[in-house]
Amino acid sequence: MHLLVLGSMRQMYWRRRIGIAMLVVFLPVNAPLFLLAVEAMDITINSPDWFVGLSFLSLFIIGGILAFMPRISLMRLFQDGTHP
């Protein structure tokens, strides 16, 4: 029983770590820094600035979901409530 709980907590930890890393990397403030770094490396990006900003914002939100949402089991989600 305890090993099962520890296994699920390890899964939660990697998900939270990835989510927090995404929160730090994809802060919306970092989008202009990303554009400047890419421009300094002489790489051209054909997408407009608003698209890069929107991409950073969506990845930031996904990171927040990964970091702060509780673990949801699909089996428990679709139970009818009669089983303990």
PDB file of N, CA and C in Angstrom:
ATOM      1  N   MET A   1       0.823  -1.196   0.000  1.00  0.00           N
ATOM      2  CA  MET A   1       0.000   0.000   0.000  1.00  0.00           C
ATOM      3  C   MET A   1       0.862   1.253   0.000  1.00  0.00           C
ATOM      4  N   HIS A   2       1.883   1.260   0.873  1.00  0.00           N
ATOM      5  CA  HIS A   2       2.730   2.441   0.958  1.00  0.00           C
ATOM      6  C   HIS A   2       3.552   2.641  -0.306  1.00  0.00           C
ATOM      7  N   LEU A   3       3.958   1.537  -0.945  1.00  0.00           N
ATOM      8  CA  LEU A   3       4.725   1.667  -2.176  1.00  0.00           C
ATOM      9  C   LEU A   3       3.877   2.248  -3.291  1.00  0.00           C
ATOM     10  N   LEU A   4       2.598   1.920  -3.313  1.00  0.00           N
ATOM     11  CA  LEU A   4       1.700   2.476  -4.313  1.00  0.00           C
ATOM     12  C   LEU A   4       1.544   3.976  -4.116  1.00  0.00           C
ATOM     13  N   VAL A   5       1.430   4.401  -2.882  1.00  0.00           N
ATOM     14  CA  VAL A   5       1.302   5.828  -2.589  1.00  0.00           C
ATOM     15  C   VAL A   5       2.587   6.558  -2.958  1.00  0.00           C
ATOM     16  N   LEU A   6       3.740   5.965  -2.638  1.00  0.00           N
ATOM     17  CA  LEU A   6       5.011   6.596  -2.983  1.00  0.00           C
ATOM     18  C   LEU A   6       5.197   6.678  -4.492  1.00  0.00           C
ATOM     19  N   GLY A   7       4.745   5.664  -5.217  1.00  0.00           N
ATOM     20  CA  GLY A   7       4.844   5.697  -6.666  1.00  0.00           C
ATOM     21  C   GLY A   7       4.014   6.811  -7.268  1.00  0.00           C
ATOM     22  N   SER A   8       2.819   7.026  -6.744  1.00  0.00           N
ATOM     23  CA  SER A   8       1.985   8.101  -7.267  1.00  0.00           C
ATOM     24  C   SER A   8       2.542   9.465  -6.885  1.00  0.00           C
ATOM     25  N   MET A   9       3.195   9.560  -5.713  1.00  0.00           N
ATOM     26  CA  MET A   9       3.790  10.832  -5.322  1.00  0.00           C
ATOM     27  C   MET A   9       4.997  11.156  -6.193  1.00  0.00           C
ATOM     28  N   ARG A  10       5.756  10.133  -6.604  1.00  0.00           N
ATOM     29  CA  ARG A  10       6.881  10.383  -7.498  1.00  0.00           C
ATOM     30  C   ARG A  10       6.397  10.904  -8.839  1.00  0.00           C
ATOM     31  N   GLN A  11       5.285  10.354  -9.339  1.00  0.00           N
ATOM     32  CA  GLN A  11       4.723  10.853 -10.586  1.00  0.00           C
ATOM     33  C   GLN A  11       4.292  12.300 -10.431  1.00  0.00           C
ATOM     34  N   MET A  12       3.727  12.634  -9.290  1.00  0.00           N
ATOM     35  CA  MET A  12       3.282  13.992  -9.062  1.00  0.00           C
ATOM     36  C   MET A  12       4.485  14.933  -8.984  1.00  0.00           C
ATOM     37  N   TYR A  13       5.581  14.455  -8.408  1.00  0.00           N
ATOM     38  CA  TYR A  13       6.754  15.317  -8.289  1.00  0.00           C
ATOM     39  C   TYR A  13       7.348  15.665  -9.649  1.00  0.00           C
ATOM     40  N   TRP A  14       7.455  14.707 -10.562  1.00  0.00           N
ATOM     41  CA  TRP A  14       8.022  15.048 -11.861  1.00  0.00           C
ATOM     42  C   TRP A  14       7.099  15.992 -12.612  1.00  0.00           C
ATOM     43  N   ARG A  15       5.795  15.808 -12.458  1.00  0.00           N
ATOM     44  CA  ARG A  15       4.845  16.698 -13.125  1.00  0.00           C
ATOM     45  C   ARG A  15       4.963  18.106 -12.567  1.00  0.00           C
ATOM     46  N   ARG A  16       5.084  18.222 -11.256  1.00  0.00           N
ATOM     47  CA  ARG A  16       5.233  19.544 -10.644  1.00  0.00           C
ATOM     48  C   ARG A  16       6.559  20.186 -11.012  1.00  0.00           C
ATOM     49  N   ARG A  17       7.616  19.402 -11.068  1.00  0.00           N
ATOM     50  CA  ARG A  17       8.919  19.962 -11.438  1.00  0.00           C
ATOM     51  C   ARG A  17       8.909  20.498 -12.861  1.00  0.00           C
ATOM     52  N   ILE A  18       8.312  19.746 -13.766  1.00  0.00           N
ATOM     53  CA  ILE A  18       8.213  20.218 -15.149  1.00  0.00           C
ATOM     54  C   ILE A  18       7.344  21.466 -15.213  1.00  0.00           C
ATOM     55  N   GLY A  19       6.244  21.490 -14.465  1.00  0.00           N
ATOM     56  CA  GLY A  19       5.369  22.653 -14.449  1.00  0.00           C
ATOM     57  C   GLY A  19       6.057  23.891 -13.915  1.00  0.00           C
ATOM     58  N   ILE A  20       6.816  23.749 -12.845  1.00  0.00           N
ATOM     59  CA  ILE A  20       7.516  24.907 -12.284  1.00  0.00           C
ATOM     60  C   ILE A  20       8.623  25.373 -13.225  1.00  0.00           C
ATOM     61  N   ALA A  21       9.304  24.432 -13.871  1.00  0.00           N
ATOM     62  CA  ALA A  21      10.320  24.821 -14.857  1.00  0.00           C
ATOM     63  C   ALA A  21       9.681  25.576 -16.020  1.00  0.00           C
ATOM     64  N   MET A  22       8.499  25.123 -16.457  1.00  0.00           N
ATOM     65  CA  MET A  22       7.799  25.832 -17.529  1.00  0.00           C
ATOM     66  C   MET A  22       7.355  27.212 -17.075  1.00  0.00           C
ATOM     67  N   LEU A  23       6.941  27.344 -15.814  1.00  0.00           N
ATOM     68  CA  LEU A  23       6.548  28.652 -15.304  1.00  0.00           C
ATOM     69  C   LEU A  23       7.719  29.628 -15.331  1.00  0.00           C
ATOM     70  N   VAL A  24       8.894  29.146 -14.997  1.00  0.00           N
ATOM     71  CA  VAL A  24      10.059  30.033 -14.967  1.00  0.00           C
ATOM     72  C   VAL A  24      10.528  30.376 -16.383  1.00  0.00           C
ATOM     73  N   VAL A  25      10.598  29.376 -17.248  1.00  0.00           N
ATOM     74  CA  VAL A  25      11.133  29.602 -18.592  1.00  0.00           C
ATOM     75  C   VAL A  25      10.169  30.416 -19.445  1.00  0.00           C
ATOM     76  N   PHE A  26       8.881  30.117 -19.363  1.00  0.00           N
ATOM     77  CA  PHE A  26       7.910  30.742 -20.252  1.00  0.00           C
ATOM     78  C   PHE A  26       7.141  31.879 -19.588  1.00  0.00           C
ATOM     79  N   LEU A  27       7.786  32.594 -18.679  1.00  0.00           N
ATOM     80  CA  LEU A  27       7.168  33.816 -18.171  1.00  0.00           C
ATOM     81  C   LEU A  27       6.907  34.741 -19.356  1.00  0.00           C
ATOM     82  N   PRO A  28       5.759  35.394 -19.406  1.00  0.00           N
ATOM     83  CA  PRO A  28       5.505  36.288 -20.541  1.00  0.00           C
ATOM     84  C   PRO A  28       6.542  37.401 -20.689  1.00  0.00           C
ATOM     85  N   VAL A  29       7.224  37.745 -19.608  1.00  0.00           N
ATOM     86  CA  VAL A  29       8.268  38.766 -19.676  1.00  0.00           C
ATOM     87  C   VAL A  29       9.469  38.260 -20.474  1.00  0.00           C
ATOM     88  N   ASN A  30       9.671  36.952 -20.520  1.00  0.00           N
ATOM     89  CA  ASN A  30      10.827  36.382 -21.210  1.00  0.00           C
ATOM     90  C   ASN A  30      10.657  36.329 -22.725  1.00  0.00           C
ATOM     91  N   ALA A  31       9.482  36.589 -23.248  1.00  0.00           N
ATOM     92  CA  ALA A  31       9.268  36.521 -24.696  1.00  0.00           C
ATOM     93  C   ALA A  31      10.142  37.525 -25.450  1.00  0.00           C
ATOM     94  N   PRO A  32      10.209  38.800 -25.029  1.00  0.00           N
ATOM     95  CA  PRO A  32      11.122  39.713 -25.741  1.00  0.00           C
ATOM     96  C   PRO A  32      12.593  39.305 -25.612  1.00  0.00           C
ATOM     97  N   LEU A  33      12.970  38.749 -24.464  1.00  0.00           N
ATOM     98  CA  LEU A  33      14.348  38.279 -24.308  1.00  0.00           C
ATOM     99  C   LEU A  33      14.637  37.122 -25.253  1.00  0.00           C
ATOM    100  N   PHE A  34      13.650  36.246 -25.441  1.00  0.00           N
ATOM    101  CA  PHE A  34      13.790  35.144 -26.384  1.00  0.00           C
ATOM    102  C   PHE A  34      13.964  35.680 -27.805  1.00  0.00           C
ATOM    103  N   LEU A  35      13.163  36.676 -28.171  1.00  0.00           N
ATOM    104  CA  LEU A  35      13.279  37.258 -29.509  1.00  0.00           C
ATOM    105  C   LEU A  35      14.640  37.921 -29.707  1.00  0.00           C
ATOM    106  N   LEU A  36      15.131  38.623 -28.679  1.00  0.00           N
ATOM    107  CA  LEU A  36      16.447  39.253 -28.778  1.00  0.00           C
ATOM    108  C   LEU A  36      17.561  38.214 -28.900  1.00  0.00           C
ATOM    109  N   ALA A  37      17.458  37.122 -28.152  1.00  0.00           N
ATOM    110  CA  ALA A  37      18.478  36.077 -28.218  1.00  0.00           C
ATOM    111  C   ALA A  37      18.488  35.401 -29.584  1.00  0.00           C
ATOM    112  N   VAL A  38      17.314  35.143 -30.125  1.00  0.00           N
ATOM    113  CA  VAL A  38      17.231  34.514 -31.448  1.00  0.00           C
ATOM    114  C   VAL A  38      17.751  35.472 -32.512  1.00  0.00           C
ATOM    115  N   GLU A  39      17.437  36.745 -32.364  1.00  0.00           N
ATOM    116  CA  GLU A  39      17.912  37.743 -33.313  1.00  0.00           C
ATOM    117  C   GLU A  39      19.437  37.893 -33.234  1.00  0.00           C
ATOM    118  N   ALA A  40      20.003  37.783 -32.042  1.00  0.00           N
ATOM    119  CA  ALA A  40      21.456  37.885 -31.878  1.00  0.00           C
ATOM    120  C   ALA A  40      22.177  36.696 -32.504  1.00  0.00           C
ATOM    121  N   MET A  41      21.508  35.547 -32.595  1.00  0.00           N
ATOM    122  CA  MET A  41      22.112  34.367 -33.220  1.00  0.00           C
ATOM    123  C   MET A  41      21.883  34.340 -34.725  1.00  0.00           C
ATOM    124  N   ASP A  42      21.354  35.424 -35.291  1.00  0.00           N
ATOM    125  CA  ASP A  42      21.079  35.554 -36.729  1.00  0.00           C
ATOM    126  C   ASP A  42      20.124  34.499 -37.251  1.00  0.00           C
ATOM    127  N   ILE A  43      19.131  34.166 -36.442  1.00  0.00           N
ATOM    128  CA  ILE A  43      18.078  33.245 -36.862  1.00  0.00           C
ATOM    129  C   ILE A  43      16.823  34.082 -37.080  1.00  0.00           C
ATOM    130  N   THR A  44      16.196  33.912 -38.228  1.00  0.00           N
ATOM    131  CA  THR A  44      14.992  34.692 -38.507  1.00  0.00           C
ATOM    132  C   THR A  44      13.760  33.880 -38.137  1.00  0.00           C
ATOM    133  N   ILE A  45      12.850  34.534 -37.456  1.00  0.00           N
ATOM    134  CA  ILE A  45      11.561  33.933 -37.112  1.00  0.00           C
ATOM    135  C   ILE A  45      10.507  34.659 -37.933  1.00  0.00           C
ATOM    136  N   ASN A  46       9.762  33.911 -38.711  1.00  0.00           N
ATOM    137  CA  ASN A  46       8.780  34.523 -39.598  1.00  0.00           C
ATOM    138  C   ASN A  46       7.441  34.780 -38.926  1.00  0.00           C
ATOM    139  N   SER A  47       7.310  34.419 -37.667  1.00  0.00           N
ATOM    140  CA  SER A  47       6.045  34.658 -36.972  1.00  0.00           C
ATOM    141  C   SER A  47       6.068  36.043 -36.326  1.00  0.00           C
ATOM    142  N   PRO A  48       4.913  36.686 -36.236  1.00  0.00           N
ATOM    143  CA  PRO A  48       4.874  38.024 -35.617  1.00  0.00           C
ATOM    144  C   PRO A  48       5.124  37.962 -34.112  1.00  0.00           C
ATOM    145  N   ASP A  49       5.429  39.126 -33.544  1.00  0.00           N
ATOM    146  CA  ASP A  49       5.743  39.196 -32.116  1.00  0.00           C
ATOM    147  C   ASP A  49       4.563  38.789 -31.251  1.00  0.00           C
ATOM    148  N   TRP A  50       3.350  39.122 -31.664  1.00  0.00           N
ATOM    149  CA  TRP A  50       2.184  38.774 -30.851  1.00  0.00           C
ATOM    150  C   TRP A  50       1.998  37.263 -30.791  1.00  0.00           C
ATOM    151  N   PHE A  51       2.393  36.559 -31.853  1.00  0.00           N
ATOM    152  CA  PHE A  51       2.276  35.102 -31.846  1.00  0.00           C
ATOM    153  C   PHE A  51       3.269  34.478 -30.868  1.00  0.00           C
ATOM    154  N   VAL A  52       4.466  35.014 -30.818  1.00  0.00           N
ATOM    155  CA  VAL A  52       5.468  34.527 -29.860  1.00  0.00           C
ATOM    156  C   VAL A  52       4.987  34.802 -28.441  1.00  0.00           C
ATOM    157  N   GLY A  53       4.446  35.998 -28.208  1.00  0.00           N
ATOM    158  CA  GLY A  53       3.915  36.325 -26.884  1.00  0.00           C
ATOM    159  C   GLY A  53       2.754  35.432 -26.496  1.00  0.00           C
ATOM    160  N   LEU A  54       1.870  35.150 -27.443  1.00  0.00           N
ATOM    161  CA  LEU A  54       0.734  34.263 -27.174  1.00  0.00           C
ATOM    162  C   LEU A  54       1.203  32.833 -26.910  1.00  0.00           C
ATOM    163  N   SER A  55       2.227  32.400 -27.617  1.00  0.00           N
ATOM    164  CA  SER A  55       2.787  31.064 -27.372  1.00  0.00           C
ATOM    165  C   SER A  55       3.391  30.974 -25.977  1.00  0.00           C
ATOM    166  N   PHE A  56       4.124  32.015 -25.573  1.00  0.00           N
ATOM    167  CA  PHE A  56       4.703  32.017 -24.231  1.00  0.00           C
ATOM    168  C   PHE A  56       3.608  32.023 -23.175  1.00  0.00           C
ATOM    169  N   LEU A  57       2.552  32.782 -23.402  1.00  0.00           N
ATOM    170  CA  LEU A  57       1.458  32.836 -22.435  1.00  0.00           C
ATOM    171  C   LEU A  57       0.755  31.489 -22.320  1.00  0.00           C
ATOM    172  N   SER A  58       0.510  30.821 -23.445  1.00  0.00           N
ATOM    173  CA  SER A  58      -0.167  29.522 -23.385  1.00  0.00           C
ATOM    174  C   SER A  58       0.721  28.466 -22.722  1.00  0.00           C
ATOM    175  N   LEU A  59       2.017  28.471 -23.006  1.00  0.00           N
ATOM    176  CA  LEU A  59       2.916  27.516 -22.349  1.00  0.00           C
ATOM    177  C   LEU A  59       3.065  27.824 -20.863  1.00  0.00           C
ATOM    178  N   PHE A  60       2.986  29.091 -20.488  1.00  0.00           N
ATOM    179  CA  PHE A  60       3.009  29.485 -19.081  1.00  0.00           C
ATOM    180  C   PHE A  60       1.771  28.948 -18.363  1.00  0.00           C
ATOM    181  N   ILE A  61       0.618  29.047 -18.996  1.00  0.00           N
ATOM    182  CA  ILE A  61      -0.624  28.537 -18.399  1.00  0.00           C
ATOM    183  C   ILE A  61      -0.572  27.013 -18.277  1.00  0.00           C
ATOM    184  N   ILE A  62      -0.052  26.330 -19.288  1.00  0.00           N
ATOM    185  CA  ILE A  62       0.088  24.874 -19.209  1.00  0.00           C
ATOM    186  C   ILE A  62       1.026  24.491 -18.067  1.00  0.00           C
ATOM    187  N   GLY A  63       2.103  25.242 -17.881  1.00  0.00           N
ATOM    188  CA  GLY A  63       3.009  24.995 -16.762  1.00  0.00           C
ATOM    189  C   GLY A  63       2.326  25.194 -15.424  1.00  0.00           C
ATOM    190  N   GLY A  64       1.459  26.209 -15.325  1.00  0.00           N
ATOM    191  CA  GLY A  64       0.702  26.416 -14.091  1.00  0.00           C
ATOM    192  C   GLY A  64      -0.261  25.284 -13.815  1.00  0.00           C
ATOM    193  N   ILE A  65      -0.875  24.768 -14.858  1.00  0.00           N
ATOM    194  CA  ILE A  65      -1.785  23.629 -14.686  1.00  0.00           C
ATOM    195  C   ILE A  65      -1.008  22.403 -14.218  1.00  0.00           C
ATOM    196  N   LEU A  66       0.144  22.151 -14.827  1.00  0.00           N
ATOM    197  CA  LEU A  66       0.953  20.997 -14.417  1.00  0.00           C
ATOM    198  C   LEU A  66       1.457  21.142 -12.987  1.00  0.00           C
ATOM    199  N   ALA A  67       1.800  22.346 -12.585  1.00  0.00           N
ATOM    200  CA  ALA A  67       2.408  22.543 -11.269  1.00  0.00           C
ATOM    201  C   ALA A  67       1.385  22.536 -10.143  1.00  0.00           C
ATOM    202  N   PHE A  68       0.206  23.085 -10.371  1.00  0.00           N
ATOM    203  CA  PHE A  68      -0.691  23.344  -9.251  1.00  0.00           C
ATOM    204  C   PHE A  68      -1.999  22.563  -9.253  1.00  0.00           C
ATOM    205  N   MET A  69      -2.315  21.853 -10.323  1.00  0.00           N
ATOM    206  CA  MET A  69      -3.544  21.058 -10.315  1.00  0.00           C
ATOM    207  C   MET A  69      -3.313  19.755  -9.560  1.00  0.00           C
ATOM    208  N   PRO A  70      -4.299  19.305  -8.806  1.00  0.00           N
ATOM    209  CA  PRO A  70      -4.131  18.028  -8.104  1.00  0.00           C
ATOM    210  C   PRO A  70      -4.194  16.869  -9.092  1.00  0.00           C
ATOM    211  N   ARG A  71      -3.670  15.747  -8.666  1.00  0.00           N
ATOM    212  CA  ARG A  71      -3.689  14.551  -9.508  1.00  0.00           C
ATOM    213  C   ARG A  71      -5.117  14.024  -9.568  1.00  0.00           C
ATOM    214  N   ILE A  72      -5.604  13.793 -10.772  1.00  0.00           N
ATOM    215  CA  ILE A  72      -6.967  13.310 -10.966  1.00  0.00           C
ATOM    216  C   ILE A  72      -6.890  11.932 -11.615  1.00  0.00           C
ATOM    217  N   SER A  73      -7.494  10.955 -10.980  1.00  0.00           N
ATOM    218  CA  SER A  73      -7.541   9.615 -11.531  1.00  0.00           C
ATOM    219  C   SER A  73      -8.780   9.495 -12.415  1.00  0.00           C
ATOM    220  N   LEU A  74      -8.612   8.973 -13.614  1.00  0.00           N
ATOM    221  CA  LEU A  74      -9.747   8.827 -14.519  1.00  0.00           C
ATOM    222  C   LEU A  74     -10.745   7.804 -13.999  1.00  0.00           C
ATOM    223  N   MET A  75     -10.256   6.793 -13.285  1.00  0.00           N
ATOM    224  CA  MET A  75     -11.171   5.791 -12.738  1.00  0.00           C
ATOM    225  C   MET A  75     -12.069   6.417 -11.672  1.00  0.00           C
ATOM    226  N   ARG A  76     -11.504   7.259 -10.824  1.00  0.00           N
ATOM    227  CA  ARG A  76     -12.314   7.909  -9.794  1.00  0.00           C
ATOM    228  C   ARG A  76     -13.221   8.975 -10.392  1.00  0.00           C
ATOM    229  N   LEU A  77     -12.811   9.547 -11.498  1.00  0.00           N
ATOM    230  CA  LEU A  77     -13.602  10.597 -12.120  1.00  0.00           C
ATOM    231  C   LEU A  77     -14.920  10.052 -12.671  1.00  0.00           C
ATOM    232  N   PHE A  78     -14.905   8.818 -13.185  1.00  0.00           N
ATOM    233  CA  PHE A  78     -16.097   8.248 -13.796  1.00  0.00           C
ATOM    234  C   PHE A  78     -16.827   7.248 -12.908  1.00  0.00           C
ATOM    235  N   GLN A  79     -16.492   7.173 -11.623  1.00  0.00           N
ATOM    236  CA  GLN A  79     -17.228   6.302 -10.716  1.00  0.00           C
ATOM    237  C   GLN A  79     -18.602   6.902 -10.449  1.00  0.00           C
ATOM    238  N   ASP A  80     -19.550   6.028 -10.136  1.00  0.00           N
ATOM    239  CA  ASP A  80     -20.909   6.506  -9.877  1.00  0.00           C
ATOM    240  C   ASP A  80     -21.127   6.913  -8.427  1.00  0.00           C
ATOM    241  N   GLY A  81     -20.155   6.700  -7.567  1.00  0.00           N
ATOM    242  CA  GLY A  81     -20.274   7.142  -6.183  1.00  0.00           C
ATOM    243  C   GLY A  81     -20.787   6.085  -5.234  1.00  0.00           C
ATOM    244  N   THR A  82     -21.101   4.891  -5.704  1.00  0.00           N
ATOM    245  CA  THR A  82     -21.622   3.853  -4.820  1.00  0.00           C
ATOM    246  C   THR A  82     -20.499   3.072  -4.151  1.00  0.00           C
ATOM    247  N   HIS A  83     -19.303   3.108  -4.699  1.00  0.00           N
ATOM    248  CA  HIS A  83     -18.179   2.373  -4.123  1.00  0.00           C
ATOM    249  C   HIS A  83     -17.396   3.304  -3.211  1.00  0.00           C
ATOM    250  N   PRO A  84     -16.888   2.775  -2.099  1.00  0.00           N
ATOM    251  CA  PRO A  84     -16.103   3.638  -1.194  1.00  0.00           C
ATOM    252  C   PRO A  84     -14.741   3.961  -1.743  1.00  0.00           C
TER     253      PRO A  84
END
